């Protein structure tokens, strides 16, 4: 079968790989419909291997080369004899985390913090940027008829963003600042809107992404940075500051601007992944009595809830999709354009079988 395969830094190929093994137990064989290229995939491309395994993974046993793709919708082709929740022909969205169920964090119910966690499309035998994928039953959630294949492919990053917003304990009517309008920042703004935020401010200095942020239609887009951004927030809030800041840029300057922009006793959630240490001033946190939280992924049980929000029209996640490509075009048209600082793409989806319920 055809698949997008990571070999090493700057070496991703579309090539033929063996089809998944026969279906057994609680396994589900899938035909991926649409699959998103994630920032994690881009980090592997530009600086990997990072998450992909160079030695046999303790849970899955795999090593690179790795078939990529962990944000995807799919059609069920076949199920193992122990599967009860889905059947052949169902459309599903994939929760890609693979957990042991035995470590201390799994026993606490925090499976997303499994001590030996793996991930479909990063450290597992299959991935969504391929003609077939094999997952466990606990990784699939059925899509309702009013959720499209395109929306289904965005459930995974939508869950990341929603988890971040909810960790802020934002209340309806709160003022929310979102730092950065990449895919997660855009989805965080949409999630804050879905949960009833009063005013939403999206801070994005990149002109192309600022233009994209405007198309979301959920809040004011601010291109100022640093002290200038803080000054604009003070002006818009009558000097009070925002109640909540969701930092999605993964940059030191964005974190510090968020700290400055929140009101005393405000809340900051660090959702963007920093690739290097950040210098900040904890005494300022204390002086403002603020709360800073960090997030990792999402609760593995969130999929049905996210799908219901999408089905109700409250969480229009499809708005972040800027390109859909056949599998053979995703390296040049997807990976290369997404890592280009001057590029216009935000979320690119690829598919070995374009079409389906993608309206």
Protein backbone atom coordinates (compact mmCIF):
# COMPACT_ATOMS: atom_id res chain seq x y z
CA UNK A 1 0.00 0.00 0.00
CA UNK A 2 1.04 3.64 -0.44
CA UNK A 3 2.08 5.60 2.65
CA UNK A 4 3.94 8.73 3.74
CA UNK A 5 6.99 7.45 5.61
CA UNK A 6 9.50 9.28 7.81
CA UNK A 7 13.05 7.93 7.48
CA UNK A 8 15.23 10.65 8.99
CA UNK A 9 15.63 14.43 9.17
CA UNK A 10 14.58 16.01 5.84
CA UNK A 11 13.74 12.55 4.48
CA UNK A 12 10.04 11.78 4.14
CA UNK A 13 8.92 9.64 1.21
CA UNK A 14 5.68 8.47 -0.36
CA UNK A 15 6.38 4.78 -0.92
CA UNK A 16 5.01 1.27 -0.86
CA UNK A 17 4.86 -0.42 2.56
CA UNK A 18 3.32 -3.73 3.71
CA UNK A 19 -0.39 -3.70 4.54
CA UNK A 20 -1.33 -4.10 8.22
CA UNK A 21 -1.34 -7.56 9.76
CA UNK A 22 -4.58 -9.59 9.98
CA UNK A 23 -7.20 -8.20 12.36
CA UNK A 24 -7.40 -9.93 15.74
CA UNK A 25 -8.91 -9.35 19.19
CA UNK A 26 -10.18 -5.78 19.66
CA UNK A 27 -8.42 -4.39 16.59
CA UNK A 28 -10.04 -2.28 13.87
CA UNK A 29 -8.81 -2.14 10.27
CA UNK A 30 -9.36 1.27 8.69
CA UNK A 31 -9.28 3.04 5.38
CA UNK A 32 -8.10 6.58 6.25
CA UNK A 33 -10.23 9.26 4.60
CA UNK A 34 -8.44 12.51 5.46
CA UNK A 35 -5.36 13.02 7.63
CA UNK A 36 -3.86 16.26 8.91
CA UNK A 37 -0.20 17.19 8.98
CA UNK A 38 0.58 18.16 12.58
CA UNK A 39 3.27 20.41 14.00
CA UNK A 40 4.80 17.29 15.54
CA UNK A 41 5.14 15.80 12.05
CA UNK A 42 6.84 19.00 10.91
CA UNK A 43 9.29 18.87 13.82
CA UNK A 44 10.19 15.31 12.83
CA UNK A 45 10.74 16.49 9.25
CA UNK A 46 12.97 19.43 10.17
CA UNK A 47 14.78 18.16 13.28
CA UNK A 48 13.89 14.49 13.81
CA UNK A 49 13.94 11.86 14.92
CA UNK A 50 12.41 13.33 18.08
CA UNK A 51 9.23 11.42 18.93
CA UNK A 52 9.66 8.68 16.33
CA UNK A 53 11.50 5.67 17.72
CA UNK A 54 15.14 4.97 16.90
CA UNK A 55 15.12 1.93 19.19
CA UNK A 56 12.23 -0.54 19.59
CA UNK A 57 9.44 1.31 21.37
CA UNK A 58 8.73 -0.36 24.75
CA UNK A 59 4.99 -0.60 24.05
CA UNK A 60 4.77 -1.20 20.30
CA UNK A 61 8.24 -2.46 19.40
CA UNK A 62 8.49 -0.27 16.28
CA UNK A 63 11.40 1.78 15.01
CA UNK A 64 11.77 4.18 12.10
CA UNK A 65 10.97 4.18 9.20
CA UNK A 66 7.56 5.31 10.50
CA UNK A 67 4.31 5.78 8.58
CA UNK A 68 3.08 9.21 9.63
CA UNK A 69 -0.37 10.59 10.39
CA UNK A 70 -2.16 10.81 13.73
CA UNK A 71 -4.98 13.29 12.97
CA UNK A 72 -7.41 11.37 10.79
CA UNK A 73 -10.88 10.24 9.95
CA UNK A 74 -11.45 6.80 8.49
CA UNK A 75 -13.91 4.22 7.26
CA UNK A 76 -14.02 0.90 9.11
CA UNK A 77 -13.13 -2.02 6.83
CA UNK A 78 -12.99 -4.91 9.29
CA UNK A 79 -13.19 -5.46 13.04
CA UNK A 80 -11.77 -8.12 15.34
CA UNK A 81 -14.04 -10.62 17.13
CA UNK A 82 -13.94 -8.67 20.42
CA UNK A 83 -15.02 -5.32 18.92
CA UNK A 84 -18.50 -4.12 19.90
CA UNK A 85 -18.65 -0.33 19.43
CA UNK A 86 -18.11 -0.05 15.64
CA UNK A 87 -18.75 -2.18 12.56
CA UNK A 88 -17.58 -2.32 8.96
CA UNK A 89 -18.84 0.71 7.05
CA UNK A 90 -18.85 3.08 10.03
CA UNK A 91 -17.03 6.40 9.70
CA UNK A 92 -14.81 7.17 12.67
CA UNK A 93 -12.32 9.69 14.07
CA UNK A 94 -9.11 8.36 15.58
CA UNK A 95 -7.80 9.04 19.10
CA UNK A 96 -4.16 8.18 18.35
CA UNK A 97 -2.70 7.68 21.85
CA UNK A 98 -1.73 4.11 22.73
CA UNK A 99 -1.39 3.42 26.46
CA UNK A 100 -0.40 0.44 28.59
CA UNK A 101 -3.28 0.52 31.09
CA UNK A 102 -0.94 -0.76 33.83
CA UNK A 103 1.38 2.08 34.89
CA UNK A 104 0.63 4.43 37.79
CA UNK A 105 -0.73 7.19 35.54
CA UNK A 106 -3.00 4.85 33.61
CA UNK A 107 -4.32 3.48 36.92
CA UNK A 108 -5.06 7.07 37.95
CA UNK A 109 -7.15 7.48 34.78
CA UNK A 110 -4.61 9.83 33.19
CA UNK A 111 -3.94 7.58 30.21
CA UNK A 112 -2.60 10.48 28.16
CA UNK A 113 0.32 10.55 30.61
CA UNK A 114 1.05 6.83 30.32
CA UNK A 115 4.68 6.21 31.25
CA UNK A 116 5.28 4.25 28.02
CA UNK A 117 2.76 5.99 25.77
CA UNK A 118 2.96 5.45 22.02
CA UNK A 119 1.03 7.13 19.23
CA UNK A 120 -0.46 5.91 15.98
CA UNK A 121 1.44 7.65 13.19
CA UNK A 122 4.49 8.43 15.36
CA UNK A 123 5.51 5.32 17.27
CA UNK A 124 3.18 2.57 16.07
CA UNK A 125 3.04 0.10 13.17
CA UNK A 126 0.61 2.21 11.12
CA UNK A 127 -0.48 5.80 10.55
CA UNK A 128 -3.21 7.81 8.87
CA UNK A 129 -1.20 9.05 5.87
CA UNK A 130 -1.63 5.68 4.19
CA UNK A 131 -4.19 3.53 2.39
CA UNK A 132 -4.79 1.35 5.48
CA UNK A 133 -4.30 1.66 9.25
CA UNK A 134 -4.79 -0.74 12.15
CA UNK A 135 -5.77 0.52 15.61
CA UNK A 136 -7.38 -0.69 18.82
CA UNK A 137 -11.12 -0.34 19.46
CA UNK A 138 -10.54 2.20 22.24
CA UNK A 139 -8.95 4.50 19.65
CA UNK A 140 -12.03 4.90 17.43
CA UNK A 141 -15.15 7.04 17.88
CA UNK A 142 -18.05 6.89 15.46
CA UNK A 143 -18.86 10.01 13.47
CA UNK A 144 -22.50 10.99 13.22
CA UNK A 145 -24.06 11.73 9.82
CA UNK A 146 -23.87 15.49 10.43
CA UNK A 147 -20.07 15.44 10.92
CA UNK A 148 -18.04 15.33 7.71
CA UNK A 149 -14.87 13.39 6.94
CA UNK A 150 -12.99 16.70 6.92
CA UNK A 151 -14.29 17.64 10.37
CA UNK A 152 -13.50 14.15 11.62
CA UNK A 153 -9.87 14.60 10.61
CA UNK A 154 -9.65 17.71 12.80
CA UNK A 155 -11.08 16.15 15.98
CA UNK A 156 -7.59 15.38 17.35
CA UNK A 157 -6.18 18.95 17.26
CA UNK A 158 -9.64 20.23 18.24
CA UNK A 159 -9.39 18.09 21.38
CA UNK A 160 -5.96 19.57 22.16
CA UNK A 161 -7.31 23.11 21.90
CA UNK A 162 -10.53 22.42 23.83
CA UNK A 163 -8.55 20.77 26.63
CA UNK A 164 -6.39 23.88 26.94
CA UNK A 165 -9.34 26.24 27.06
CA UNK A 166 -11.17 24.10 29.60
CA UNK A 167 -8.08 23.85 31.81
CA UNK A 168 -8.27 27.65 32.13
CA UNK A 169 -11.67 27.24 33.80
CA UNK A 170 -12.94 29.99 31.55
CA UNK A 171 -16.46 31.15 32.36
CA UNK A 172 -19.09 32.35 29.92
CA UNK A 173 -18.53 36.04 29.27
CA UNK A 174 -14.82 36.00 30.15
CA UNK A 175 -12.30 37.94 28.12
CA UNK A 176 -9.86 35.55 26.43
CA UNK A 177 -6.55 36.20 24.73
CA UNK A 178 -5.18 33.55 22.35
CA UNK A 179 -1.47 33.87 21.59
CA UNK A 180 -0.71 32.65 18.06
CA UNK A 181 -3.01 31.57 15.25
CA UNK A 182 -1.53 28.37 13.96
CA UNK A 183 -3.88 25.37 13.93
CA UNK A 184 -4.08 25.03 17.73
CA UNK A 185 -4.44 28.77 18.29
CA UNK A 186 -7.22 28.97 15.71
CA UNK A 187 -9.00 26.02 17.30
CA UNK A 188 -8.52 27.51 20.78
CA UNK A 189 -10.25 30.69 19.62
CA UNK A 190 -13.09 28.63 18.16
CA UNK A 191 -13.31 26.56 21.36
CA UNK A 192 -13.44 29.68 23.54
CA UNK A 193 -16.26 30.97 21.36
CA UNK A 194 -18.09 27.63 21.62
CA UNK A 195 -17.87 27.81 25.41
CA UNK A 196 -19.30 31.33 25.55
CA UNK A 197 -16.32 33.68 25.86
CA UNK A 198 -17.31 37.34 25.99
CA UNK A 199 -14.44 39.01 24.12
CA UNK A 200 -11.80 37.03 22.22
CA UNK A 201 -8.51 38.59 21.16
CA UNK A 202 -6.19 36.69 18.81
CA UNK A 203 -2.57 37.88 18.86
CA UNK A 204 -0.81 37.01 15.59
CA UNK A 205 2.01 39.19 14.20
CA UNK A 206 2.47 37.16 10.99
CA UNK A 207 0.44 39.09 8.36
CA UNK A 208 -0.68 35.98 6.47
CA UNK A 209 -1.83 34.22 9.61
CA UNK A 210 -3.42 37.42 10.92
CA UNK A 211 -5.48 37.56 7.71
CA UNK A 212 -6.44 33.92 8.26
CA UNK A 213 -7.39 34.62 11.90
CA UNK A 214 -9.78 37.30 10.69
CA UNK A 215 -11.66 34.72 8.61
CA UNK A 216 -12.51 32.76 11.77
CA UNK A 217 -14.94 35.53 12.71
CA UNK A 218 -14.76 34.97 16.47
CA UNK A 219 -12.77 37.91 17.76
CA UNK A 220 -10.45 40.83 17.19
CA UNK A 221 -7.08 40.06 15.61
CA UNK A 222 -4.12 41.98 17.05
CA UNK A 223 -0.78 42.20 15.23
CA UNK A 224 1.07 44.12 17.94
CA UNK A 225 3.74 42.30 19.98
CA UNK A 226 5.36 42.64 23.41
CA UNK A 227 4.60 45.83 25.33
CA UNK A 228 2.59 47.18 22.40
CA UNK A 229 0.28 44.17 22.56
CA UNK A 230 -0.12 44.56 26.30
CA UNK A 231 -0.99 48.21 25.75
CA UNK A 232 -3.69 47.31 23.23
CA UNK A 233 -5.17 44.74 25.65
CA UNK A 234 -5.18 47.33 28.44
CA UNK A 235 -6.97 49.76 26.13
CA UNK A 236 -9.58 47.19 25.04
CA UNK A 237 -10.31 46.07 28.60
CA UNK A 238 -10.35 49.47 30.31
CA UNK A 239 -7.08 48.70 32.06
CA UNK A 240 -8.31 45.47 33.62
CA UNK A 241 -6.57 42.86 31.46
CA UNK A 242 -8.02 39.63 30.14
CA UNK A 243 -9.39 36.91 32.39
CA UNK A 244 -7.70 34.08 30.50
CA UNK A 245 -4.75 33.74 28.12
CA UNK A 246 -4.15 30.59 26.06
CA UNK A 247 -0.53 30.53 24.88
CA UNK A 248 -0.43 28.59 21.62
CA UNK A 249 2.70 30.02 19.99
CA UNK A 250 5.25 28.13 22.08
CA UNK A 251 7.49 31.20 22.29
CA UNK A 252 9.09 33.00 25.22
CA UNK A 253 7.85 36.41 24.10
CA UNK A 254 4.28 35.13 23.79
CA UNK A 255 4.35 33.60 27.28
CA UNK A 256 5.65 36.80 28.85
CA UNK A 257 3.14 38.95 26.97
CA UNK A 258 0.37 36.67 28.22
CA UNK A 259 1.59 37.10 31.80
CA UNK A 260 1.50 40.86 31.36
CA UNK A 261 -1.90 40.87 29.66
CA UNK A 262 -3.94 38.88 32.19
CA UNK A 263 -5.63 40.60 35.08
CA UNK A 264 -4.59 39.93 38.69
CA UNK A 265 -5.73 36.40 39.57
CA UNK A 266 -6.07 35.69 35.85
CA UNK A 267 -5.21 32.33 34.33
CA UNK A 268 -2.69 31.34 31.67
CA UNK A 269 -2.64 27.96 29.97
CA UNK A 270 0.53 26.90 28.17
CA UNK A 271 -0.69 24.83 25.21
CA UNK A 272 1.98 25.58 22.59
CA UNK A 273 5.08 23.40 22.83
CA UNK A 274 8.29 25.30 23.54
CA UNK A 275 11.32 23.85 21.75
CA UNK A 276 13.82 25.62 24.04
CA UNK A 277 13.91 27.01 27.60
CA UNK A 278 12.02 30.24 28.19
CA UNK A 279 13.22 33.07 30.43
CA UNK A 280 10.45 34.53 32.58
CA UNK A 281 10.06 36.29 35.95
CA UNK A 282 8.17 34.23 38.57
CA UNK A 283 8.03 37.15 41.02
CA UNK A 284 5.65 38.79 38.55
CA UNK A 285 3.40 35.74 38.74
CA UNK A 286 3.29 36.10 42.52
CA UNK A 287 2.70 39.83 42.45
CA UNK A 288 -0.37 39.31 40.26
CA UNK A 289 -1.48 36.13 42.09
CA UNK A 290 -1.99 34.42 38.72
CA UNK A 291 -2.35 30.76 37.82
CA UNK A 292 -0.19 29.20 35.11
CA UNK A 293 -1.02 25.70 33.90
CA UNK A 294 0.49 23.50 31.24
CA UNK A 295 -1.33 20.90 29.16
CA UNK A 296 -0.36 17.73 27.38
CA UNK A 297 -2.67 16.32 24.72
CA UNK A 298 -6.20 15.65 26.06
CA UNK A 299 -8.26 13.15 27.99
CA UNK A 300 -8.47 10.00 25.87
CA UNK A 301 -12.24 9.90 26.49
CA UNK A 302 -12.90 13.33 24.93
CA UNK A 303 -13.71 12.23 21.36
CA UNK A 304 -17.50 11.70 21.64
CA UNK A 305 -17.86 15.07 23.39
CA UNK A 306 -15.82 16.93 20.77
CA UNK A 307 -17.79 15.22 18.00
CA UNK A 308 -21.07 16.33 19.59
CA UNK A 309 -19.86 19.94 19.77
CA UNK A 310 -18.97 19.78 16.08
CA UNK A 311 -22.29 18.15 15.17
CA UNK A 312 -24.21 20.93 16.94
CA UNK A 313 -22.40 23.52 14.84
CA UNK A 314 -20.86 25.04 17.98
CA UNK A 315 -17.28 24.10 17.08
CA UNK A 316 -16.72 24.73 13.33
CA UNK A 317 -13.30 23.07 13.22
CA UNK A 318 -13.30 22.77 9.42
CA UNK A 319 -12.54 26.50 9.22
CA UNK A 320 -8.85 25.86 9.96
CA UNK A 321 -8.37 23.58 6.91
CA UNK A 322 -6.56 25.51 4.17
CA UNK A 323 -5.64 22.71 1.72
CA UNK A 324 -6.63 19.14 0.83
CA UNK A 325 -4.18 17.06 -1.20
CA UNK A 326 -3.82 13.56 -2.61
CA UNK A 327 -1.19 11.47 -0.84
CA UNK A 328 1.44 11.84 -3.55
CA UNK A 329 1.40 15.64 -3.17
CA UNK A 330 1.60 16.03 0.61
CA UNK A 331 5.38 16.36 0.87
CA UNK A 332 5.86 19.27 -1.54
CA UNK A 333 2.36 20.73 -1.20
CA UNK A 334 2.02 20.06 2.53
CA UNK A 335 5.21 19.59 4.54
CA UNK A 336 7.36 21.96 2.49
CA UNK A 337 4.73 24.71 2.38
CA UNK A 338 3.95 24.40 6.09
CA UNK A 339 7.58 24.84 7.16
CA UNK A 340 8.00 27.88 4.91
CA UNK A 341 7.86 30.98 7.19
CA UNK A 342 6.29 32.92 4.34
CA UNK A 343 3.82 30.15 3.54
CA UNK A 344 0.08 30.70 3.62
CA UNK A 345 -1.02 27.23 4.76
CA UNK A 346 -2.37 26.54 8.26
CA UNK A 347 -3.81 23.01 8.23
CA UNK A 348 -3.16 20.70 5.29
CA UNK A 349 -5.01 17.40 4.95
CA UNK A 350 -3.86 14.52 2.81
CA UNK A 351 -5.64 11.40 1.62
CA UNK A 352 -4.98 8.26 -0.33
CA UNK A 353 -8.67 8.38 -1.23
CA UNK A 354 -9.80 12.00 -1.71
CA UNK A 355 -13.54 12.53 -1.68
CA UNK A 356 -16.14 10.99 0.57
CA UNK A 357 -18.31 13.11 2.84
CA UNK A 358 -15.93 16.09 2.71
CA UNK A 359 -18.42 18.91 2.18
